[in-house]
């Protein structure tokens, strides 16, 4: 099992790459998505490896049916792999529960308030970020006793600005020129990671770290939806990011 990438976060956590699993072909090798067509037994083994790398057990690693929305689930008990509710973020104050989000260019964001014993995990594509999924995660943590100014958050590997050409719909939805660089006519290069970090700061989170990497530009380390589209489509794997209370 390859050691996951980490950030300055006061909780056991890891941003896993695509390395260190058992899946084959386009899913090679640490594919952790149960909805992409990979063999279920391979994905379950990959997820178990990720859980064990953080000292958790596989049956206490929970995930969601991610929908690029803003819903946040408060987790009190683990559920069966693949049976997660339709949402894009989770929080918990229960020891031993591992929260996992799946990405392949979107930003995984992990949260922890060590004093309150509360952790969170969010899947932030541009739609969810614009809609407020990160602020909603902070609010859900606060409902469990966390305080925004005590929360530390880390934005994990996502598509980089150099790889993320966008059109007017996304540019106008974000509505903040700080996160765009000029591209070809009618297009811009969007910095999703920086945008997520700024949203966290606006929600009162004082400690925001970033694991700077471009998932679309590093095929040996990461799965990437945009890279798959540029190549003409086909099956794709997803990496997992996990935080443990």
C-alpha atoms as a PDB file:
ATOM      1  CA  UNK A   1       0.000   0.000   0.000  1.00  0.00           C
ATOM      2  CA  UNK A   2       1.492   3.324  -1.071  1.00  0.00           C
ATOM      3  CA  UNK A   3       1.526   5.956   1.673  1.00  0.00           C
ATOM      4  CA  UNK A   4      -1.152   8.587   1.020  1.00  0.00           C
ATOM      5  CA  UNK A   5      -0.490  12.270   0.589  1.00  0.00           C
ATOM      6  CA  UNK A   6      -1.126  14.302   3.722  1.00  0.00           C
ATOM      7  CA  UNK A   7      -1.521  17.910   4.819  1.00  0.00           C
ATOM      8  CA  UNK A   8      -1.370  19.846   8.071  1.00  0.00           C
ATOM      9  CA  UNK A   9      -4.578  18.412   9.534  1.00  0.00           C
ATOM     10  CA  UNK A  10      -5.006  17.360  13.203  1.00  0.00           C
ATOM     11  CA  UNK A  11      -6.612  14.008  12.399  1.00  0.00           C
ATOM     12  CA  UNK A  12      -5.648  10.737  10.748  1.00  0.00           C
ATOM     13  CA  UNK A  13      -6.191  11.325   7.052  1.00  0.00           C
ATOM     14  CA  UNK A  14      -4.897  10.605   3.597  1.00  0.00           C
ATOM     15  CA  UNK A  15      -5.342  11.748   0.016  1.00  0.00           C
ATOM     16  CA  UNK A  16      -4.722   8.499  -1.834  1.00  0.00           C
ATOM     17  CA  UNK A  17      -3.312   8.270  -5.337  1.00  0.00           C
ATOM     18  CA  UNK A  18      -4.172   5.572  -7.873  1.00  0.00           C
ATOM     19  CA  UNK A  19      -1.229   3.404  -6.755  1.00  0.00           C
ATOM     20  CA  UNK A  20      -1.209   0.423  -4.421  1.00  0.00           C
ATOM     21  CA  UNK A  21      -4.389  -1.459  -5.286  1.00  0.00           C
ATOM     22  CA  UNK A  22      -5.509  -4.625  -7.054  1.00  0.00           C
ATOM     23  CA  UNK A  23      -7.678  -3.310  -9.902  1.00  0.00           C
ATOM     24  CA  UNK A  24      -6.551  -3.809 -13.478  1.00  0.00           C
ATOM     25  CA  UNK A  25      -6.776  -2.167 -16.876  1.00  0.00           C
ATOM     26  CA  UNK A  26      -8.160   1.393 -16.897  1.00  0.00           C
ATOM     27  CA  UNK A  27      -8.923   0.999 -13.173  1.00  0.00           C
ATOM     28  CA  UNK A  28      -5.337   0.218 -12.201  1.00  0.00           C
ATOM     29  CA  UNK A  29      -4.754   0.058  -9.435  1.00  0.00           C
ATOM     30  CA  UNK A  30      -6.310   1.678  -6.336  1.00  0.00           C
ATOM     31  CA  UNK A  31      -9.715   2.419  -7.830  1.00  0.00           C
ATOM     32  CA  UNK A  32     -12.150   3.053  -4.977  1.00  0.00           C
ATOM     33  CA  UNK A  33     -15.351   3.798  -6.883  1.00  0.00           C
ATOM     34  CA  UNK A  34     -18.124   1.210  -6.761  1.00  0.00           C
ATOM     35  CA  UNK A  35     -20.089   2.841  -9.576  1.00  0.00           C
ATOM     36  CA  UNK A  36     -17.595   2.838 -12.428  1.00  0.00           C
ATOM     37  CA  UNK A  37     -17.818  -0.720 -13.729  1.00  0.00           C
ATOM     38  CA  UNK A  38     -14.804  -2.195 -11.936  1.00  0.00           C
ATOM     39  CA  UNK A  39     -15.112  -5.586 -10.220  1.00  0.00           C
ATOM     40  CA  UNK A  40     -16.797  -5.060  -6.840  1.00  0.00           C
ATOM     41  CA  UNK A  41     -14.439  -7.413  -5.028  1.00  0.00           C
ATOM     42  CA  UNK A  42     -11.419  -5.472  -6.318  1.00  0.00           C
ATOM     43  CA  UNK A  43     -12.885  -2.137  -5.235  1.00  0.00           C
ATOM     44  CA  UNK A  44     -13.730  -3.487  -1.786  1.00  0.00           C
ATOM     45  CA  UNK A  45     -10.162  -4.714  -1.369  1.00  0.00           C
ATOM     46  CA  UNK A  46      -8.841  -1.315  -2.471  1.00  0.00           C
ATOM     47  CA  UNK A  47     -11.085   0.475   0.000  1.00  0.00           C
ATOM     48  CA  UNK A  48     -10.009  -1.907   2.755  1.00  0.00           C
ATOM     49  CA  UNK A  49      -6.366  -1.124   2.002  1.00  0.00           C
ATOM     50  CA  UNK A  50      -7.048   2.599   2.267  1.00  0.00           C
ATOM     51  CA  UNK A  51      -8.861   2.131   5.572  1.00  0.00           C
ATOM     52  CA  UNK A  52      -6.097  -0.034   7.012  1.00  0.00           C
ATOM     53  CA  UNK A  53      -3.450   2.517   5.992  1.00  0.00           C
ATOM     54  CA  UNK A  54      -5.124   4.923   8.421  1.00  0.00           C
ATOM     55  CA  UNK A  55      -5.677   2.399  11.194  1.00  0.00           C
ATOM     56  CA  UNK A  56      -9.390   1.980  10.458  1.00  0.00           C
ATOM     57  CA  UNK A  57     -11.360  -1.150   9.626  1.00  0.00           C
ATOM     58  CA  UNK A  58     -12.976  -1.617   6.234  1.00  0.00           C
ATOM     59  CA  UNK A  59     -16.485  -1.948   7.659  1.00  0.00           C
ATOM     60  CA  UNK A  60     -16.222   1.509   9.253  1.00  0.00           C
ATOM     61  CA  UNK A  61     -15.204   3.331   6.073  1.00  0.00           C
ATOM     62  CA  UNK A  62     -18.267   5.090   4.672  1.00  0.00           C
ATOM     63  CA  UNK A  63     -18.873   6.817   1.372  1.00  0.00           C
ATOM     64  CA  UNK A  64     -21.692   8.593  -0.414  1.00  0.00           C
ATOM     65  CA  UNK A  65     -23.634   8.497  -3.654  1.00  0.00           C
ATOM     66  CA  UNK A  66     -22.103  11.755  -4.831  1.00  0.00           C
ATOM     67  CA  UNK A  67     -24.295  14.024  -6.941  1.00  0.00           C
ATOM     68  CA  UNK A  68     -22.386  17.353  -7.228  1.00  0.00           C
ATOM     69  CA  UNK A  69     -24.746  18.942  -4.721  1.00  0.00           C
ATOM     70  CA  UNK A  70     -24.581  20.572  -1.299  1.00  0.00           C
ATOM     71  CA  UNK A  71     -26.187  18.031   1.042  1.00  0.00           C
ATOM     72  CA  UNK A  72     -24.221  17.057   4.164  1.00  0.00           C
ATOM     73  CA  UNK A  73     -24.831  13.835   6.120  1.00  0.00           C
ATOM     74  CA  UNK A  74     -24.104  13.484   9.838  1.00  0.00           C
ATOM     75  CA  UNK A  75     -22.764   9.960  10.302  1.00  0.00           C
ATOM     76  CA  UNK A  76     -23.577   8.111  13.529  1.00  0.00           C
ATOM     77  CA  UNK A  77     -23.163   4.520  12.316  1.00  0.00           C
ATOM     78  CA  UNK A  78     -21.413   3.016   9.295  1.00  0.00           C
ATOM     79  CA  UNK A  79     -23.404   1.618   6.389  1.00  0.00           C
ATOM     80  CA  UNK A  80     -22.681  -1.010   3.761  1.00  0.00           C
ATOM     81  CA  UNK A  81     -20.241  -0.056   1.020  1.00  0.00           C
ATOM     82  CA  UNK A  82     -22.144   1.375  -1.926  1.00  0.00           C
ATOM     83  CA  UNK A  83     -25.265   2.126   0.129  1.00  0.00           C
ATOM     84  CA  UNK A  84     -24.437   5.703   1.032  1.00  0.00           C
ATOM     85  CA  UNK A  85     -27.079   8.430   0.754  1.00  0.00           C
ATOM     86  CA  UNK A  86     -27.169  10.958  -2.082  1.00  0.00           C
ATOM     87  CA  UNK A  87     -24.992  13.767  -0.751  1.00  0.00           C
ATOM     88  CA  UNK A  88     -21.543  15.283  -1.195  1.00  0.00           C
ATOM     89  CA  UNK A  89     -20.226  15.743   2.327  1.00  0.00           C
ATOM     90  CA  UNK A  90     -20.195  13.982   5.691  1.00  0.00           C
ATOM     91  CA  UNK A  91     -19.358  14.896   9.280  1.00  0.00           C
ATOM     92  CA  UNK A  92     -19.024  12.779  12.403  1.00  0.00           C
ATOM     93  CA  UNK A  93     -18.030  12.906  16.055  1.00  0.00           C
ATOM     94  CA  UNK A  94     -17.953   9.108  16.435  1.00  0.00           C
ATOM     95  CA  UNK A  95     -14.547   7.483  17.071  1.00  0.00           C
ATOM     96  CA  UNK A  96     -13.308   5.009  14.507  1.00  0.00           C
ATOM     97  CA  UNK A  97     -15.581   6.079  11.673  1.00  0.00           C
ATOM     98  CA  UNK A  98     -13.677   6.867   8.474  1.00  0.00           C
ATOM     99  CA  UNK A  99     -15.223   9.316   6.013  1.00  0.00           C
ATOM    100  CA  UNK A 100     -14.239   8.819   2.385  1.00  0.00           C
ATOM    101  CA  UNK A 101     -14.929  10.907  -0.708  1.00  0.00           C
ATOM    102  CA  UNK A 102     -14.247   9.831  -4.291  1.00  0.00           C
ATOM    103  CA  UNK A 103     -12.736  12.133  -6.916  1.00  0.00           C
ATOM    104  CA  UNK A 104     -11.205  12.170 -10.374  1.00  0.00           C
ATOM    105  CA  UNK A 105     -10.527  15.925 -10.857  1.00  0.00           C
ATOM    106  CA  UNK A 106     -12.965  17.450  -8.356  1.00  0.00           C
ATOM    107  CA  UNK A 107     -11.486  18.671  -5.082  1.00  0.00           C
ATOM    108  CA  UNK A 108     -11.545  16.409  -2.018  1.00  0.00           C
ATOM    109  CA  UNK A 109     -11.640  18.521   1.147  1.00  0.00           C
ATOM    110  CA  UNK A 110     -10.990  17.083   4.616  1.00  0.00           C
ATOM    111  CA  UNK A 111     -11.787  18.841   7.903  1.00  0.00           C
ATOM    112  CA  UNK A 112     -10.969  18.414  11.590  1.00  0.00           C
ATOM    113  CA  UNK A 113     -11.618  20.217  14.864  1.00  0.00           C
ATOM    114  CA  UNK A 114      -9.393  18.306  17.257  1.00  0.00           C
ATOM    115  CA  UNK A 115     -10.722  20.044  20.376  1.00  0.00           C
ATOM    116  CA  UNK A 116     -14.328  19.132  19.575  1.00  0.00           C
ATOM    117  CA  UNK A 117     -13.491  15.677  18.198  1.00  0.00           C
ATOM    118  CA  UNK A 118     -15.340  16.364  14.946  1.00  0.00           C
ATOM    119  CA  UNK A 119     -14.176  15.578  11.402  1.00  0.00           C
ATOM    120  CA  UNK A 120     -15.639  16.086   7.957  1.00  0.00           C
ATOM    121  CA  UNK A 121     -15.083  15.235   4.304  1.00  0.00           C
ATOM    122  CA  UNK A 122     -16.487  16.937   1.215  1.00  0.00           C
ATOM    123  CA  UNK A 123     -16.506  16.346  -2.538  1.00  0.00           C
ATOM    124  CA  UNK A 124     -16.253  19.754  -4.213  1.00  0.00           C
ATOM    125  CA  UNK A 125     -16.685  19.967  -7.940  1.00  0.00           C
ATOM    126  CA  UNK A 126     -17.306  23.442  -9.271  1.00  0.00           C
ATOM    127  CA  UNK A 127     -21.094  23.098  -8.990  1.00  0.00           C
ATOM    128  CA  UNK A 128     -20.948  21.961  -5.377  1.00  0.00           C
ATOM    129  CA  UNK A 129     -18.388  24.614  -4.511  1.00  0.00           C
ATOM    130  CA  UNK A 130     -20.481  27.380  -6.060  1.00  0.00           C
ATOM    131  CA  UNK A 131     -23.573  25.986  -4.348  1.00  0.00           C
ATOM    132  CA  UNK A 132     -21.957  26.084  -0.909  1.00  0.00           C
ATOM    133  CA  UNK A 133     -21.054  22.500  -0.024  1.00  0.00           C
ATOM    134  CA  UNK A 134     -17.929  23.583   1.855  1.00  0.00           C
ATOM    135  CA  UNK A 135     -19.738  26.179   3.955  1.00  0.00           C
ATOM    136  CA  UNK A 136     -22.481  23.618   4.621  1.00  0.00           C
ATOM    137  CA  UNK A 137     -19.865  21.151   5.891  1.00  0.00           C
ATOM    138  CA  UNK A 138     -18.497  23.752   8.310  1.00  0.00           C
ATOM    139  CA  UNK A 139     -22.036  24.436   9.544  1.00  0.00           C
ATOM    140  CA  UNK A 140     -22.727  20.719  10.042  1.00  0.00           C
ATOM    141  CA  UNK A 141     -19.514  20.372  12.044  1.00  0.00           C
ATOM    142  CA  UNK A 142     -20.532  23.360  14.166  1.00  0.00           C
ATOM    143  CA  UNK A 143     -23.823  21.606  14.924  1.00  0.00           C
ATOM    144  CA  UNK A 144     -21.723  18.841  16.531  1.00  0.00           C
ATOM    145  CA  UNK A 145     -19.742  21.274  18.654  1.00  0.00           C
ATOM    146  CA  UNK A 146     -16.948  22.368  16.326  1.00  0.00           C
ATOM    147  CA  UNK A 147     -16.035  26.031  15.950  1.00  0.00           C
ATOM    148  CA  UNK A 148     -15.129  27.429  12.522  1.00  0.00           C
ATOM    149  CA  UNK A 149     -12.078  29.276  13.833  1.00  0.00           C
ATOM    150  CA  UNK A 150     -10.752  25.995  15.307  1.00  0.00           C
ATOM    151  CA  UNK A 151     -11.396  23.884  12.227  1.00  0.00           C
ATOM    152  CA  UNK A 152      -8.444  22.937  10.046  1.00  0.00           C
ATOM    153  CA  UNK A 153      -9.193  22.034   6.439  1.00  0.00           C
ATOM    154  CA  UNK A 154      -7.109  20.598   3.635  1.00  0.00           C
ATOM    155  CA  UNK A 155      -7.878  20.771  -0.073  1.00  0.00           C
ATOM    156  CA  UNK A 156      -6.506  17.674  -1.752  1.00  0.00           C
ATOM    157  CA  UNK A 157      -5.287  16.922  -5.267  1.00  0.00           C
ATOM    158  CA  UNK A 158      -7.638  18.171  -7.979  1.00  0.00           C
ATOM    159  CA  UNK A 159      -7.469  19.412 -11.529  1.00  0.00           C
ATOM    160  CA  UNK A 160      -5.025  22.293 -11.865  1.00  0.00           C
ATOM    161  CA  UNK A 161      -5.636  25.623 -13.517  1.00  0.00           C
ATOM    162  CA  UNK A 162      -3.328  24.750 -16.390  1.00  0.00           C
ATOM    163  CA  UNK A 163      -5.532  21.786 -17.289  1.00  0.00           C
ATOM    164  CA  UNK A 164      -8.930  23.283 -16.542  1.00  0.00           C
ATOM    165  CA  UNK A 165     -10.158  25.320 -19.480  1.00  0.00           C
ATOM    166  CA  UNK A 166     -13.725  26.524 -18.911  1.00  0.00           C
ATOM    167  CA  UNK A 167     -16.343  28.477 -20.813  1.00  0.00           C
ATOM    168  CA  UNK A 168     -18.614  31.357 -19.886  1.00  0.00           C
ATOM    169  CA  UNK A 169     -21.140  29.248 -17.938  1.00  0.00           C
ATOM    170  CA  UNK A 170     -18.658  28.302 -15.231  1.00  0.00           C
ATOM    171  CA  UNK A 171     -16.878  31.665 -15.336  1.00  0.00           C
ATOM    172  CA  UNK A 172     -20.143  33.500 -14.772  1.00  0.00           C
ATOM    173  CA  UNK A 173     -21.369  31.080 -12.086  1.00  0.00           C
ATOM    174  CA  UNK A 174     -18.237  31.589  -9.999  1.00  0.00           C
ATOM    175  CA  UNK A 175     -18.298  35.325 -10.618  1.00  0.00           C
ATOM    176  CA  UNK A 176     -14.883  36.101  -9.134  1.00  0.00           C
ATOM    177  CA  UNK A 177     -12.041  36.998 -11.511  1.00  0.00           C
ATOM    178  CA  UNK A 178      -9.352  36.135  -8.949  1.00  0.00           C
ATOM    179  CA  UNK A 179      -9.579  32.448  -9.824  1.00  0.00           C
ATOM    180  CA  UNK A 180      -9.346  32.721 -13.613  1.00  0.00           C
ATOM    181  CA  UNK A 181      -6.511  33.284 -16.048  1.00  0.00           C
ATOM    182  CA  UNK A 182      -7.128  34.278 -19.678  1.00  0.00           C
ATOM    183  CA  UNK A 183      -7.395  31.434 -22.174  1.00  0.00           C
ATOM    184  CA  UNK A 184      -8.330  31.253 -25.813  1.00  0.00           C
ATOM    185  CA  UNK A 185     -11.190  33.541 -26.889  1.00  0.00           C
ATOM    186  CA  UNK A 186     -14.306  32.952 -24.796  1.00  0.00           C
ATOM    187  CA  UNK A 187     -12.479  30.637 -22.375  1.00  0.00           C
ATOM    188  CA  UNK A 188     -10.554  30.848 -19.107  1.00  0.00           C
ATOM    189  CA  UNK A 189      -8.260  28.668 -16.985  1.00  0.00           C
ATOM    190  CA  UNK A 190      -9.951  28.010 -13.631  1.00  0.00           C
ATOM    191  CA  UNK A 191      -8.105  27.369 -10.348  1.00  0.00           C
ATOM    192  CA  UNK A 192     -10.535  25.093  -8.493  1.00  0.00           C
ATOM    193  CA  UNK A 193      -8.190  24.434  -5.565  1.00  0.00           C
ATOM    194  CA  UNK A 194      -7.612  28.131  -4.874  1.00  0.00           C
ATOM    195  CA  UNK A 195     -11.344  28.802  -5.145  1.00  0.00           C
ATOM    196  CA  UNK A 196     -12.113  26.104  -2.565  1.00  0.00           C
ATOM    197  CA  UNK A 197      -9.455  27.483  -0.214  1.00  0.00           C
ATOM    198  CA  UNK A 198     -10.976  30.963  -0.473  1.00  0.00           C
ATOM    199  CA  UNK A 199     -14.468  29.629   0.256  1.00  0.00           C
ATOM    200  CA  UNK A 200     -13.177  27.915   3.381  1.00  0.00           C
ATOM    201  CA  UNK A 201     -11.568  31.136   4.577  1.00  0.00           C
ATOM    202  CA  UNK A 202     -14.823  33.003   3.960  1.00  0.00           C
ATOM    203  CA  UNK A 203     -16.597  30.424   6.161  1.00  0.00           C
ATOM    204  CA  UNK A 204     -14.303  31.306   9.077  1.00  0.00           C
ATOM    205  CA  UNK A 205     -11.805  28.455   8.694  1.00  0.00           C
ATOM    206  CA  UNK A 206      -8.446  29.906   9.689  1.00  0.00           C
ATOM    207  CA  UNK A 207      -6.206  26.918   8.942  1.00  0.00           C
ATOM    208  CA  UNK A 208      -6.437  25.972   5.273  1.00  0.00           C
ATOM    209  CA  UNK A 209      -3.809  23.754   3.657  1.00  0.00           C
ATOM    210  CA  UNK A 210      -3.524  22.562   0.068  1.00  0.00           C
ATOM    211  CA  UNK A 211      -1.940  19.495  -1.484  1.00  0.00           C
ATOM    212  CA  UNK A 212      -0.946  21.056  -4.782  1.00  0.00           C
ATOM    213  CA  UNK A 213      -1.124  18.582  -7.649  1.00  0.00           C
ATOM    214  CA  UNK A 214      -2.818  18.501 -11.051  1.00  0.00           C
ATOM    215  CA  UNK A 215      -4.815  15.287 -11.393  1.00  0.00           C
ATOM    216  CA  UNK A 216      -5.341  15.796 -15.126  1.00  0.00           C
ATOM    217  CA  UNK A 217      -1.623  16.254 -15.815  1.00  0.00           C
ATOM    218  CA  UNK A 218      -0.270  13.331 -13.757  1.00  0.00           C
ATOM    219  CA  UNK A 219      -1.553  10.049 -15.236  1.00  0.00           C
ATOM    220  CA  UNK A 220       0.852   7.892 -13.248  1.00  0.00           C
ATOM    221  CA  UNK A 221      -0.465   9.236  -9.933  1.00  0.00           C
ATOM    222  CA  UNK A 222      -4.113  10.109 -10.469  1.00  0.00           C
ATOM    223  CA  UNK A 223      -7.303   9.191 -12.259  1.00  0.00           C
ATOM    224  CA  UNK A 224      -8.799  12.105 -14.218  1.00  0.00           C
ATOM    225  CA  UNK A 225     -12.210  12.598 -15.783  1.00  0.00           C
ATOM    226  CA  UNK A 226     -11.011  15.394 -18.054  1.00  0.00           C
ATOM    227  CA  UNK A 227      -8.044  13.368 -19.259  1.00  0.00           C
ATOM    228  CA  UNK A 228     -10.407  10.483 -20.004  1.00  0.00           C
ATOM    229  CA  UNK A 229     -12.706  12.795 -22.019  1.00  0.00           C
ATOM    230  CA  UNK A 230      -9.788  14.174 -24.006  1.00  0.00           C
ATOM    231  CA  UNK A 231      -8.775  10.608 -24.840  1.00  0.00           C
ATOM    232  CA  UNK A 232     -12.207   9.831 -26.244  1.00  0.00           C
ATOM    233  CA  UNK A 233     -13.977   8.327 -23.248  1.00  0.00           C
ATOM    234  CA  UNK A 234     -14.010   4.840 -21.810  1.00  0.00           C
ATOM    235  CA  UNK A 235     -13.889   3.408 -18.281  1.00  0.00           C
ATOM    236  CA  UNK A 236     -12.296   5.389 -15.462  1.00  0.00           C
ATOM    237  CA  UNK A 237     -11.228   4.824 -11.880  1.00  0.00           C
ATOM    238  CA  UNK A 238     -11.426   7.240  -8.956  1.00  0.00           C
ATOM    239  CA  UNK A 239      -9.116   7.940  -6.032  1.00  0.00           C
ATOM    240  CA  UNK A 240     -10.299   8.178  -2.437  1.00  0.00           C
ATOM    241  CA  UNK A 241      -9.566  10.713   0.305  1.00  0.00           C
ATOM    242  CA  UNK A 242     -10.259   9.703   3.907  1.00  0.00           C
ATOM    243  CA  UNK A 243     -10.354  11.280   7.363  1.00  0.00           C
ATOM    244  CA  UNK A 244     -10.838   9.275  10.563  1.00  0.00           C
ATOM    245  CA  UNK A 245     -12.321  10.431  13.869  1.00  0.00           C
END
